[in-house]
Amino acid sequence: MQLIFVVQCETEIGQNLRDLLAQAKYSVHLFTRPIDLVAEAERHSPSLIFIEVGSPPSRGLAICRAIRVTPGLTDTPLILFSSGSGHEDRILALESGADDYLTQPFTQRELIARVQAVLRRCTGRSCSTGGFSSQSDGFTPHQESVPGPVITLGDIQIDMSAMKISIRGSEVSTTALEFRLLSYLSQHRSRVFTRDQLLDAVWGDKQFVTPRSVDACIRRVRSKIEPNRMKPTYLKTVRGAGYLLEATARGKGAPSMAAAGVRNTSAMLSSTSALLADPMLGTPLKEA
C-alpha cells in the first residue's frame, strides 16, 4: 500500500481528504501542522506529498521548496492544492517544485486521477511501497535499465544510468525533472531549443505546464551547476530563440560550482526554515 502525506490545516477538510484517499487503498498520514513534515518524510519516504497552499500562500510554497532541497526528498512527488484558481497560482506552485496543482473544489475521481497521474510520472524515483516505479516523460523502463554513458562537460559529469550529476567529483542533488532537462540538453550540445521544444521533449504530456515552467526549471538547474547563475558558463540563453548547453570548461580562478550549489541550497533551506519553525505549526500526526 502506497503512503501519502497530506498537509491540511483545517481538521475537517483534512480528514475528508484522508478518507477519500484511504477509500482508494492508499495509506495516509495527515498533518494539520507541518513543523515535523520534513523529518517524518525522511523517516517514512512517502510515495507522494499532498500540500495545501493555504493562507498565506507563501507558507505552502515554502514547504514545497523545503522538501525540494532536502537530500533524499528531492524526487518525492508533490501536489499542491488550494481554492485559488488563477493562472498565476498554478505557475507559482509549479515554479516552487510541485508536480501538479489542483484547484478546490474537486471530486474524489479527479483527486485520485491526479494522484495516479503524478505517480506514473515519477521516473527514476523509488516510491515508498514495494519499489513502485513507472514510465514517465521521455524515459521508458527499458531505457532506465540499460547502462548509459557518462557525459562530461567541463567540470560537470552526467551519469545517465545512475541518474546522477557530479561537479568536480561532488554529487549535486537534482529532481528527476531537472536531471531530464540537463541530460537532454547534454545529448544535444550547442543546439538551441525553444521553450516549446523543451516542453515536448522533457515534460512530454505532463499537464498544466507552460513555457514559464521551462524558465523556472532552467533557473533551478543554473543555481546548481553554474559558478555564477547571472553569467552562465554552461546553460545559456539565446535571446529571442531559447536555450542551449555548451561544453565549456570553467576558467581558472572561477569559484567551484559544487560550492556554489551548496551555498544556494543552504540559503534556500535557511530561508524556508523560519516558516517551518513557526510556533503555530506544531504537528499532530494521524494515520488512516
C-alpha atoms as a PDB file:
ATOM      1  CA  MET A   1       0.000   0.000   0.000  1.00  0.00           C
ATOM      2  CA  GLN A   2       1.480   3.348  -1.033  1.00  0.00           C
ATOM      3  CA  LEU A   3       1.911   6.038   1.587  1.00  0.00           C
ATOM      4  CA  ILE A   4       0.679   9.594   1.030  1.00  0.00           C
ATOM      5  CA  PHE A   5       1.274  12.561   3.334  1.00  0.00           C
ATOM      6  CA  VAL A   6      -1.476  15.197   3.408  1.00  0.00           C
ATOM      7  CA  VAL A   7      -0.774  18.680   4.777  1.00  0.00           C
ATOM      8  CA  GLN A   8      -4.064  20.469   5.510  1.00  0.00           C
ATOM      9  CA  CYS A   9      -4.630  22.862   8.390  1.00  0.00           C
ATOM     10  CA  GLU A  10      -8.413  22.579   8.719  1.00  0.00           C
ATOM     11  CA  THR A  11      -9.146  19.327  10.517  1.00  0.00           C
ATOM     12  CA  GLU A  12     -12.474  18.530   8.845  1.00  0.00           C
ATOM     13  CA  ILE A  13     -11.203  19.089   5.284  1.00  0.00           C
ATOM     14  CA  GLY A  14      -8.032  17.175   6.045  1.00  0.00           C
ATOM     15  CA  GLN A  15      -9.958  14.233   7.414  1.00  0.00           C
ATOM     16  CA  ASN A  16     -12.195  14.221   4.324  1.00  0.00           C
ATOM     17  CA  LEU A  17      -9.132  14.098   2.081  1.00  0.00           C
ATOM     18  CA  ARG A  18      -7.646  11.329   4.193  1.00  0.00           C
ATOM     19  CA  ASP A  19     -10.874   9.326   3.910  1.00  0.00           C
ATOM     20  CA  LEU A  20     -11.083   9.795   0.120  1.00  0.00           C
ATOM     21  CA  LEU A  21      -7.502   8.604  -0.371  1.00  0.00           C
ATOM     22  CA  ALA A  22      -7.972   5.726   2.074  1.00  0.00           C
ATOM     23  CA  GLN A  23     -11.002   4.557   0.083  1.00  0.00           C
ATOM     24  CA  ALA A  24      -8.690   4.363  -2.945  1.00  0.00           C
ATOM     25  CA  LYS A  25      -6.427   1.987  -0.955  1.00  0.00           C
ATOM     26  CA  TYR A  26      -3.690   4.466  -0.014  1.00  0.00           C
ATOM     27  CA  SER A  27      -2.171   4.675   3.454  1.00  0.00           C
ATOM     28  CA  VAL A  28      -2.459   8.297   4.634  1.00  0.00           C
ATOM     29  CA  HIS A  29      -0.697  10.381   7.265  1.00  0.00           C
ATOM     30  CA  LEU A  30      -2.477  13.672   7.944  1.00  0.00           C
ATOM     31  CA  PHE A  31      -0.529  16.718   9.147  1.00  0.00           C
ATOM     32  CA  THR A  32      -2.623  19.605  10.418  1.00  0.00           C
ATOM     33  CA  ARG A  33       0.539  21.491  11.438  1.00  0.00           C
ATOM     34  CA  PRO A  34       3.583  20.675   9.336  1.00  0.00           C
ATOM     35  CA  ILE A  35       6.581  21.564  11.509  1.00  0.00           C
ATOM     36  CA  ASP A  36       7.722  17.907  11.581  1.00  0.00           C
ATOM     37  CA  LEU A  37       6.744  17.156   7.980  1.00  0.00           C
ATOM     38  CA  VAL A  38      10.264  17.051   6.527  1.00  0.00           C
ATOM     39  CA  ALA A  39      11.638  14.877   9.328  1.00  0.00           C
ATOM     40  CA  GLU A  40       8.684  12.476   9.057  1.00  0.00           C
ATOM     41  CA  ALA A  41       9.067  12.331   5.268  1.00  0.00           C
ATOM     42  CA  GLU A  42      12.756  11.468   5.640  1.00  0.00           C
ATOM     43  CA  ARG A  43      11.818   8.734   8.108  1.00  0.00           C
ATOM     44  CA  HIS A  44       8.902   7.184   6.180  1.00  0.00           C
ATOM     45  CA  SER A  45       9.679   8.015   2.492  1.00  0.00           C
ATOM     46  CA  PRO A  46       6.106   8.693   1.311  1.00  0.00           C
ATOM     47  CA  SER A  47       5.149   7.932  -2.282  1.00  0.00           C
ATOM     48  CA  LEU A  48       3.594  11.395  -2.603  1.00  0.00           C
ATOM     49  CA  ILE A  49       3.001  14.535  -0.539  1.00  0.00           C
ATOM     50  CA  PHE A  50      -0.251  16.479  -0.966  1.00  0.00           C
ATOM     51  CA  ILE A  51       0.082  20.067   0.327  1.00  0.00           C
ATOM     52  CA  GLU A  52      -2.496  22.810   0.775  1.00  0.00           C
ATOM     53  CA  VAL A  53      -1.159  26.200  -0.313  1.00  0.00           C
ATOM     54  CA  GLY A  54      -3.351  27.852   2.326  1.00  0.00           C
ATOM     55  CA  SER A  55      -3.148  31.367   3.722  1.00  0.00           C
ATOM     56  CA  PRO A  56      -0.752  32.974   3.412  1.00  0.00           C
ATOM     57  CA  PRO A  57       0.135  31.167   0.157  1.00  0.00           C
ATOM     58  CA  SER A  58       3.862  31.620   0.837  1.00  0.00           C
ATOM     59  CA  ARG A  59       3.657  29.061   3.647  1.00  0.00           C
ATOM     60  CA  GLY A  60       2.588  26.159   1.414  1.00  0.00           C
ATOM     61  CA  LEU A  61       5.084  27.212  -1.262  1.00  0.00           C
ATOM     62  CA  ALA A  62       7.841  27.367   1.364  1.00  0.00           C
ATOM     63  CA  ILE A  63       7.030  23.820   2.485  1.00  0.00           C
ATOM     64  CA  CYS A  64       7.261  22.691  -1.136  1.00  0.00           C
ATOM     65  CA  ARG A  65      10.645  24.382  -1.613  1.00  0.00           C
ATOM     66  CA  ALA A  66      11.967  22.964   1.670  1.00  0.00           C
ATOM     67  CA  ILE A  67      11.136  19.429   0.512  1.00  0.00           C
ATOM     68  CA  ARG A  68      12.780  20.038  -2.856  1.00  0.00           C
ATOM     69  CA  VAL A  69      16.141  20.979  -1.264  1.00  0.00           C
ATOM     70  CA  THR A  70      16.180  18.187   1.326  1.00  0.00           C
ATOM     71  CA  PRO A  71      18.530  15.318   0.346  1.00  0.00           C
ATOM     72  CA  GLY A  72      16.526  12.143  -0.035  1.00  0.00           C
ATOM     73  CA  LEU A  73      13.284  14.026  -0.746  1.00  0.00           C
ATOM     74  CA  THR A  74      14.197  15.991  -3.869  1.00  0.00           C
ATOM     75  CA  ASP A  75      12.389  13.494  -6.121  1.00  0.00           C
ATOM     76  CA  THR A  76       9.332  12.945  -3.921  1.00  0.00           C
ATOM     77  CA  PRO A  77       6.197  13.676  -6.000  1.00  0.00           C
ATOM     78  CA  LEU A  78       4.364  16.792  -4.776  1.00  0.00           C
ATOM     79  CA  ILE A  79       0.839  18.001  -5.493  1.00  0.00           C
ATOM     80  CA  LEU A  80      -0.210  21.432  -4.262  1.00  0.00           C
ATOM     81  CA  PHE A  81      -3.870  22.402  -3.925  1.00  0.00           C
ATOM     82  CA  SER A  82      -5.820  25.494  -2.954  1.00  0.00           C
ATOM     83  CA  SER A  83      -9.056  27.373  -3.553  1.00  0.00           C
ATOM     84  CA  GLY A  84      -7.195  29.820  -5.810  1.00  0.00           C
ATOM     85  CA  SER A  85      -7.977  29.208  -9.460  1.00  0.00           C
ATOM     86  CA  GLY A  86      -5.796  31.888 -11.039  1.00  0.00           C
ATOM     87  CA  HIS A  87      -3.231  31.079 -13.708  1.00  0.00           C
ATOM     88  CA  GLU A  88      -0.562  32.778 -11.590  1.00  0.00           C
ATOM     89  CA  ASP A  89      -1.310  30.488  -8.615  1.00  0.00           C
ATOM     90  CA  ARG A  90      -0.636  27.418 -10.739  1.00  0.00           C
ATOM     91  CA  ILE A  91       2.588  28.891 -12.128  1.00  0.00           C
ATOM     92  CA  LEU A  92       3.880  29.771  -8.646  1.00  0.00           C
ATOM     93  CA  ALA A  93       3.153  26.238  -7.457  1.00  0.00           C
ATOM     94  CA  LEU A  94       4.994  24.661 -10.382  1.00  0.00           C
ATOM     95  CA  GLU A  95       7.908  27.064 -10.025  1.00  0.00           C
ATOM     96  CA  SER A  96       8.216  26.065  -6.372  1.00  0.00           C
ATOM     97  CA  GLY A  97       8.768  22.451  -7.412  1.00  0.00           C
ATOM     98  CA  ALA A  98       5.258  20.983  -7.452  1.00  0.00           C
ATOM     99  CA  ASP A  99       4.498  18.220  -9.941  1.00  0.00           C
ATOM    100  CA  ASP A 100       0.847  19.227 -10.234  1.00  0.00           C
ATOM    101  CA  TYR A 101      -1.652  21.764  -8.926  1.00  0.00           C
ATOM    102  CA  LEU A 102      -5.258  21.033  -8.008  1.00  0.00           C
ATOM    103  CA  THR A 103      -7.988  23.619  -7.512  1.00  0.00           C
ATOM    104  CA  GLN A 104     -10.726  23.207  -4.903  1.00  0.00           C
ATOM    105  CA  PRO A 105     -13.449  22.064  -5.000  1.00  0.00           C
ATOM    106  CA  PHE A 106     -12.595  18.782  -6.681  1.00  0.00           C
ATOM    107  CA  THR A 107     -14.248  15.376  -6.827  1.00  0.00           C
ATOM    108  CA  GLN A 108     -12.824  12.134  -5.496  1.00  0.00           C
ATOM    109  CA  ARG A 109     -12.489  10.913  -9.081  1.00  0.00           C
ATOM    110  CA  GLU A 110     -10.372  13.925 -10.081  1.00  0.00           C
ATOM    111  CA  LEU A 111      -8.283  13.687  -6.908  1.00  0.00           C
ATOM    112  CA  ILE A 112      -7.432  10.030  -7.463  1.00  0.00           C
ATOM    113  CA  ALA A 113      -6.813  10.561 -11.190  1.00  0.00           C
ATOM    114  CA  ARG A 114      -4.326  13.359 -10.457  1.00  0.00           C
ATOM    115  CA  VAL A 115      -2.557  11.307  -7.780  1.00  0.00           C
ATOM    116  CA  GLN A 116      -2.260   8.315 -10.100  1.00  0.00           C
ATOM    117  CA  ALA A 117      -1.030  10.501 -12.972  1.00  0.00           C
ATOM    118  CA  VAL A 118       1.725  12.068 -10.862  1.00  0.00           C
ATOM    119  CA  LEU A 119       2.821   8.698  -9.510  1.00  0.00           C
ATOM    120  CA  ARG A 120       3.003   7.332 -13.067  1.00  0.00           C
ATOM    121  CA  ARG A 121       5.358  10.167 -13.983  1.00  0.00           C
ATOM    122  CA  CYS A 122       7.865   9.666 -11.177  1.00  0.00           C
ATOM    123  CA  THR A 123      10.668   8.384 -13.374  1.00  0.00           C
ATOM    124  CA  GLY A 124      13.645   7.020 -11.523  1.00  0.00           C
ATOM    125  CA  ARG A 125      12.016   7.588  -8.154  1.00  0.00           C
ATOM    126  CA  SER A 126      11.878   4.741  -5.646  1.00  0.00           C
ATOM    127  CA  CYS A 127       8.375   5.377  -4.411  1.00  0.00           C
ATOM    128  CA  SER A 128       7.972   4.015  -0.951  1.00  0.00           C
ATOM    129  CA  THR A 129       5.935   0.821  -1.196  1.00  0.00           C
ATOM    130  CA  GLY A 130       7.321  -2.170  -2.984  1.00  0.00           C
ATOM    131  CA  GLY A 131       9.760  -0.207  -5.117  1.00  0.00           C
ATOM    132  CA  PHE A 132       6.985   1.340  -7.199  1.00  0.00           C
ATOM    133  CA  SER A 133       8.249   2.934 -10.392  1.00  0.00           C
ATOM    134  CA  SER A 134       6.663   3.615 -13.725  1.00  0.00           C
ATOM    135  CA  GLN A 135       7.089   5.040 -17.171  1.00  0.00           C
ATOM    136  CA  SER A 136       7.206   8.804 -17.375  1.00  0.00           C
ATOM    137  CA  ASP A 137       8.073  11.797 -19.509  1.00  0.00           C
ATOM    138  CA  GLY A 138      10.762  10.960 -22.014  1.00  0.00           C
ATOM    139  CA  PHE A 139      12.143   7.810 -20.332  1.00  0.00           C
ATOM    140  CA  THR A 140      10.887   4.252 -20.728  1.00  0.00           C
ATOM    141  CA  PRO A 141      11.528   1.400 -18.297  1.00  0.00           C
ATOM    142  CA  HIS A 142      13.770  -0.203 -20.929  1.00  0.00           C
ATOM    143  CA  GLN A 143      15.912   2.942 -21.119  1.00  0.00           C
ATOM    144  CA  GLU A 144      16.222   3.080 -17.354  1.00  0.00           C
ATOM    145  CA  SER A 145      17.536  -0.494 -17.115  1.00  0.00           C
ATOM    146  CA  VAL A 146      20.237  -0.139 -19.782  1.00  0.00           C
ATOM    147  CA  PRO A 147      23.567   1.326 -18.562  1.00  0.00           C
ATOM    148  CA  GLY A 148      24.209   4.644 -20.240  1.00  0.00           C
ATOM    149  CA  PRO A 149      27.338   6.709 -20.833  1.00  0.00           C
ATOM    150  CA  VAL A 150      28.842   9.280 -18.543  1.00  0.00           C
ATOM    151  CA  ILE A 151      28.789  12.636 -20.317  1.00  0.00           C
ATOM    152  CA  THR A 152      31.473  15.134 -19.335  1.00  0.00           C
ATOM    153  CA  LEU A 153      31.002  18.863 -19.857  1.00  0.00           C
ATOM    154  CA  GLY A 154      33.912  20.764 -18.375  1.00  0.00           C
ATOM    155  CA  ASP A 155      33.585  20.250 -14.609  1.00  0.00           C
ATOM    156  CA  ILE A 156      30.216  18.508 -14.951  1.00  0.00           C
ATOM    157  CA  GLN A 157      29.737  14.741 -15.188  1.00  0.00           C
ATOM    158  CA  ILE A 158      26.311  13.337 -16.015  1.00  0.00           C
ATOM    159  CA  ASP A 159      25.877   9.627 -15.285  1.00  0.00           C
ATOM    160  CA  MET A 160      22.965   8.619 -17.475  1.00  0.00           C
ATOM    161  CA  SER A 161      22.463   5.137 -15.974  1.00  0.00           C
ATOM    162  CA  ALA A 162      22.634   6.215 -12.316  1.00  0.00           C
ATOM    163  CA  MET A 163      20.768   9.490 -12.981  1.00  0.00           C
ATOM    164  CA  LYS A 164      23.419  11.420 -11.065  1.00  0.00           C
ATOM    165  CA  ILE A 165      25.179  14.699 -11.694  1.00  0.00           C
ATOM    166  CA  SER A 166      28.604  15.457 -10.242  1.00  0.00           C
ATOM    167  CA  ILE A 167      30.626  18.653 -10.325  1.00  0.00           C
ATOM    168  CA  ARG A 168      34.357  18.193  -9.814  1.00  0.00           C
ATOM    169  CA  GLY A 169      33.651  14.882  -8.094  1.00  0.00           C
ATOM    170  CA  SER A 170      30.926  16.182  -5.762  1.00  0.00           C
ATOM    171  CA  GLU A 171      27.406  14.886  -6.380  1.00  0.00           C
ATOM    172  CA  VAL A 172      24.742  17.558  -6.862  1.00  0.00           C
ATOM    173  CA  SER A 173      21.174  16.816  -5.796  1.00  0.00           C
ATOM    174  CA  THR A 174      18.599  17.325  -8.567  1.00  0.00           C
ATOM    175  CA  THR A 175      14.975  16.449  -9.099  1.00  0.00           C
ATOM    176  CA  ALA A 176      14.077  13.926 -11.804  1.00  0.00           C
ATOM    177  CA  LEU A 177      12.785  16.773 -13.967  1.00  0.00           C
ATOM    178  CA  GLU A 178      15.982  18.810 -13.572  1.00  0.00           C
ATOM    179  CA  PHE A 179      18.055  15.747 -14.452  1.00  0.00           C
ATOM    180  CA  ARG A 180      15.964  15.058 -17.560  1.00  0.00           C
ATOM    181  CA  LEU A 181      16.353  18.640 -18.733  1.00  0.00           C
ATOM    182  CA  LEU A 182      20.118  18.729 -18.255  1.00  0.00           C
ATOM    183  CA  SER A 183      20.695  15.253 -19.703  1.00  0.00           C
ATOM    184  CA  TYR A 184      18.567  16.059 -22.759  1.00  0.00           C
ATOM    185  CA  LEU A 185      20.474  19.268 -23.439  1.00  0.00           C
ATOM    186  CA  SER A 186      23.793  17.479 -22.851  1.00  0.00           C
ATOM    187  CA  GLN A 187      22.934  14.986 -25.579  1.00  0.00           C
ATOM    188  CA  HIS A 188      22.298  17.869 -27.985  1.00  0.00           C
ATOM    189  CA  ARG A 189      25.135  20.182 -27.025  1.00  0.00           C
ATOM    190  CA  SER A 190      25.382  23.581 -28.693  1.00  0.00           C
ATOM    191  CA  ARG A 191      21.904  23.189 -30.212  1.00  0.00           C
ATOM    192  CA  VAL A 192      19.357  25.896 -29.449  1.00  0.00           C
ATOM    193  CA  PHE A 193      15.942  24.711 -28.233  1.00  0.00           C
ATOM    194  CA  THR A 194      12.821  26.809 -27.897  1.00  0.00           C
ATOM    195  CA  ARG A 195      10.715  26.549 -24.739  1.00  0.00           C
ATOM    196  CA  ASP A 196       8.024  24.641 -26.626  1.00  0.00           C
ATOM    197  CA  GLN A 197      10.580  22.149 -27.949  1.00  0.00           C
ATOM    198  CA  LEU A 198      11.859  21.519 -24.422  1.00  0.00           C
ATOM    199  CA  LEU A 199       8.306  21.123 -23.118  1.00  0.00           C
ATOM    200  CA  ASP A 200       7.660  18.435 -25.740  1.00  0.00           C
ATOM    201  CA  ALA A 201      10.988  16.645 -25.231  1.00  0.00           C
ATOM    202  CA  VAL A 202      11.377  16.813 -21.437  1.00  0.00           C
ATOM    203  CA  TRP A 203       7.905  17.336 -19.955  1.00  0.00           C
ATOM    204  CA  GLY A 204       6.074  15.266 -22.571  1.00  0.00           C
ATOM    205  CA  ASP A 205       2.335  15.081 -21.929  1.00  0.00           C
ATOM    206  CA  LYS A 206       2.582  16.428 -18.389  1.00  0.00           C
ATOM    207  CA  GLN A 207      -0.470  18.531 -17.587  1.00  0.00           C
ATOM    208  CA  PHE A 208      -0.664  22.192 -16.623  1.00  0.00           C
ATOM    209  CA  VAL A 209       2.795  23.300 -17.683  1.00  0.00           C
ATOM    210  CA  THR A 210       3.588  26.474 -19.586  1.00  0.00           C
ATOM    211  CA  PRO A 211       6.704  27.958 -21.207  1.00  0.00           C
ATOM    212  CA  ARG A 212       7.334  29.715 -17.887  1.00  0.00           C
ATOM    213  CA  SER A 213       7.776  26.287 -16.322  1.00  0.00           C
ATOM    214  CA  VAL A 214      10.818  25.832 -18.573  1.00  0.00           C
ATOM    215  CA  ASP A 215      12.264  29.142 -17.387  1.00  0.00           C
ATOM    216  CA  ALA A 216      11.754  28.141 -13.749  1.00  0.00           C
ATOM    217  CA  CYS A 217      13.463  24.776 -14.238  1.00  0.00           C
ATOM    218  CA  ILE A 218      16.354  26.425 -16.101  1.00  0.00           C
ATOM    219  CA  ARG A 219      16.862  28.792 -13.152  1.00  0.00           C
ATOM    220  CA  ARG A 220      16.942  25.903 -10.682  1.00  0.00           C
ATOM    221  CA  VAL A 221      19.457  23.965 -12.783  1.00  0.00           C
ATOM    222  CA  ARG A 222      21.676  27.035 -13.136  1.00  0.00           C
ATOM    223  CA  SER A 223      21.658  27.559  -9.377  1.00  0.00           C
ATOM    224  CA  LYS A 224      23.121  24.063  -9.019  1.00  0.00           C
ATOM    225  CA  ILE A 225      25.685  23.900 -11.840  1.00  0.00           C
ATOM    226  CA  GLU A 226      26.842  27.452 -12.533  1.00  0.00           C
ATOM    227  CA  PRO A 227      29.543  29.335 -10.577  1.00  0.00           C
ATOM    228  CA  ASN A 228      27.554  32.496 -11.331  1.00  0.00           C
ATOM    229  CA  ARG A 229      23.998  31.856 -12.491  1.00  0.00           C
ATOM    230  CA  MET A 230      23.663  35.503 -13.597  1.00  0.00           C
ATOM    231  CA  LYS A 231      26.534  34.931 -16.075  1.00  0.00           C
ATOM    232  CA  PRO A 232      26.077  31.289 -17.125  1.00  0.00           C
ATOM    233  CA  THR A 233      29.078  29.333 -18.350  1.00  0.00           C
ATOM    234  CA  TYR A 234      27.174  26.257 -19.498  1.00  0.00           C
ATOM    235  CA  LEU A 235      23.406  26.720 -19.707  1.00  0.00           C
ATOM    236  CA  LYS A 236      22.952  29.821 -21.830  1.00  0.00           C
ATOM    237  CA  THR A 237      20.035  31.880 -23.071  1.00  0.00           C
ATOM    238  CA  VAL A 238      19.858  32.767 -26.754  1.00  0.00           C
ATOM    239  CA  ARG A 239      17.781  35.912 -26.777  1.00  0.00           C
ATOM    240  CA  GLY A 240      14.627  35.561 -28.825  1.00  0.00           C
ATOM    241  CA  ALA A 241      15.291  31.871 -29.514  1.00  0.00           C
ATOM    242  CA  GLY A 242      15.655  29.671 -26.432  1.00  0.00           C
ATOM    243  CA  TYR A 243      18.345  27.812 -24.502  1.00  0.00           C
ATOM    244  CA  LEU A 244      21.475  25.822 -25.257  1.00  0.00           C
ATOM    245  CA  LEU A 245      24.066  23.890 -23.290  1.00  0.00           C
ATOM    246  CA  GLU A 246      27.715  24.479 -24.116  1.00  0.00           C
ATOM    247  CA  ALA A 247      30.556  22.111 -23.216  1.00  0.00           C
ATOM    248  CA  THR A 248      32.766  24.937 -21.948  1.00  0.00           C
ATOM    249  CA  ALA A 249      35.249  24.343 -19.156  1.00  0.00           C
ATOM    250  CA  ARG A 250      35.176  26.991 -16.458  1.00  0.00           C
ATOM    251  CA  GLY A 251      38.052  29.409 -16.394  1.00  0.00           C
ATOM    252  CA  LYS A 252      40.823  29.378 -13.822  1.00  0.00           C
ATOM    253  CA  GLY A 253      40.005  31.241 -10.668  1.00  0.00           C
ATOM    254  CA  ALA A 254      36.272  30.818 -11.043  1.00  0.00           C
ATOM    255  CA  PRO A 255      34.527  29.577  -7.914  1.00  0.00           C
ATOM    256  CA  SER A 256      33.758  25.874  -7.657  1.00  0.00           C
ATOM    257  CA  MET A 257      30.291  25.075  -8.989  1.00  0.00           C
ATOM    258  CA  ALA A 258      29.836  22.412  -6.346  1.00  0.00           C
ATOM    259  CA  ALA A 259      30.498  25.015  -3.683  1.00  0.00           C
ATOM    260  CA  ALA A 260      28.077  27.377  -5.390  1.00  0.00           C
ATOM    261  CA  GLY A 261      25.390  24.679  -5.349  1.00  0.00           C
ATOM    262  CA  VAL A 262      25.956  24.072  -1.630  1.00  0.00           C
ATOM    263  CA  ARG A 263      25.690  27.794  -0.889  1.00  0.00           C
ATOM    264  CA  ASN A 264      22.449  28.089  -2.885  1.00  0.00           C
ATOM    265  CA  THR A 265      20.925  25.041  -1.202  1.00  0.00           C
ATOM    266  CA  SER A 266      21.920  26.285   2.258  1.00  0.00           C
ATOM    267  CA  ALA A 267      20.452  29.702   1.537  1.00  0.00           C
ATOM    268  CA  MET A 268      17.143  28.186   0.430  1.00  0.00           C
ATOM    269  CA  LEU A 269      16.943  25.938   3.466  1.00  0.00           C
ATOM    270  CA  SER A 270      17.594  28.848   5.816  1.00  0.00           C
ATOM    271  CA  SER A 271      15.009  30.998   4.049  1.00  0.00           C
ATOM    272  CA  THR A 272      12.288  28.359   4.470  1.00  0.00           C
ATOM    273  CA  SER A 273      13.237  27.184   7.951  1.00  0.00           C
ATOM    274  CA  ALA A 274      11.750  30.278   9.564  1.00  0.00           C
ATOM    275  CA  LEU A 275       8.326  29.484   8.122  1.00  0.00           C
ATOM    276  CA  LEU A 276       8.529  25.811   9.028  1.00  0.00           C
ATOM    277  CA  ALA A 277       9.686  26.668  12.565  1.00  0.00           C
ATOM    278  CA  ASP A 278       6.677  28.906  13.172  1.00  0.00           C
ATOM    279  CA  PRO A 279       5.388  28.030  16.669  1.00  0.00           C
ATOM    280  CA  MET A 280       1.878  27.946  15.197  1.00  0.00           C
ATOM    281  CA  LEU A 281       2.914  24.902  13.150  1.00  0.00           C
ATOM    282  CA  GLY A 282       3.333  22.210  15.798  1.00  0.00           C
ATOM    283  CA  THR A 283       2.239  18.807  14.310  1.00  0.00           C
ATOM    284  CA  PRO A 284      -0.057  16.048  15.450  1.00  0.00           C
ATOM    285  CA  LEU A 285       0.281  13.034  13.180  1.00  0.00           C
ATOM    286  CA  LYS A 286      -2.738  10.991  12.230  1.00  0.00           C
ATOM    287  CA  GLU A 287      -2.784   7.783  10.260  1.00  0.00           C
ATOM    288  CA  ALA A 288      -5.625   6.330   8.268  1.00  0.00           C
END
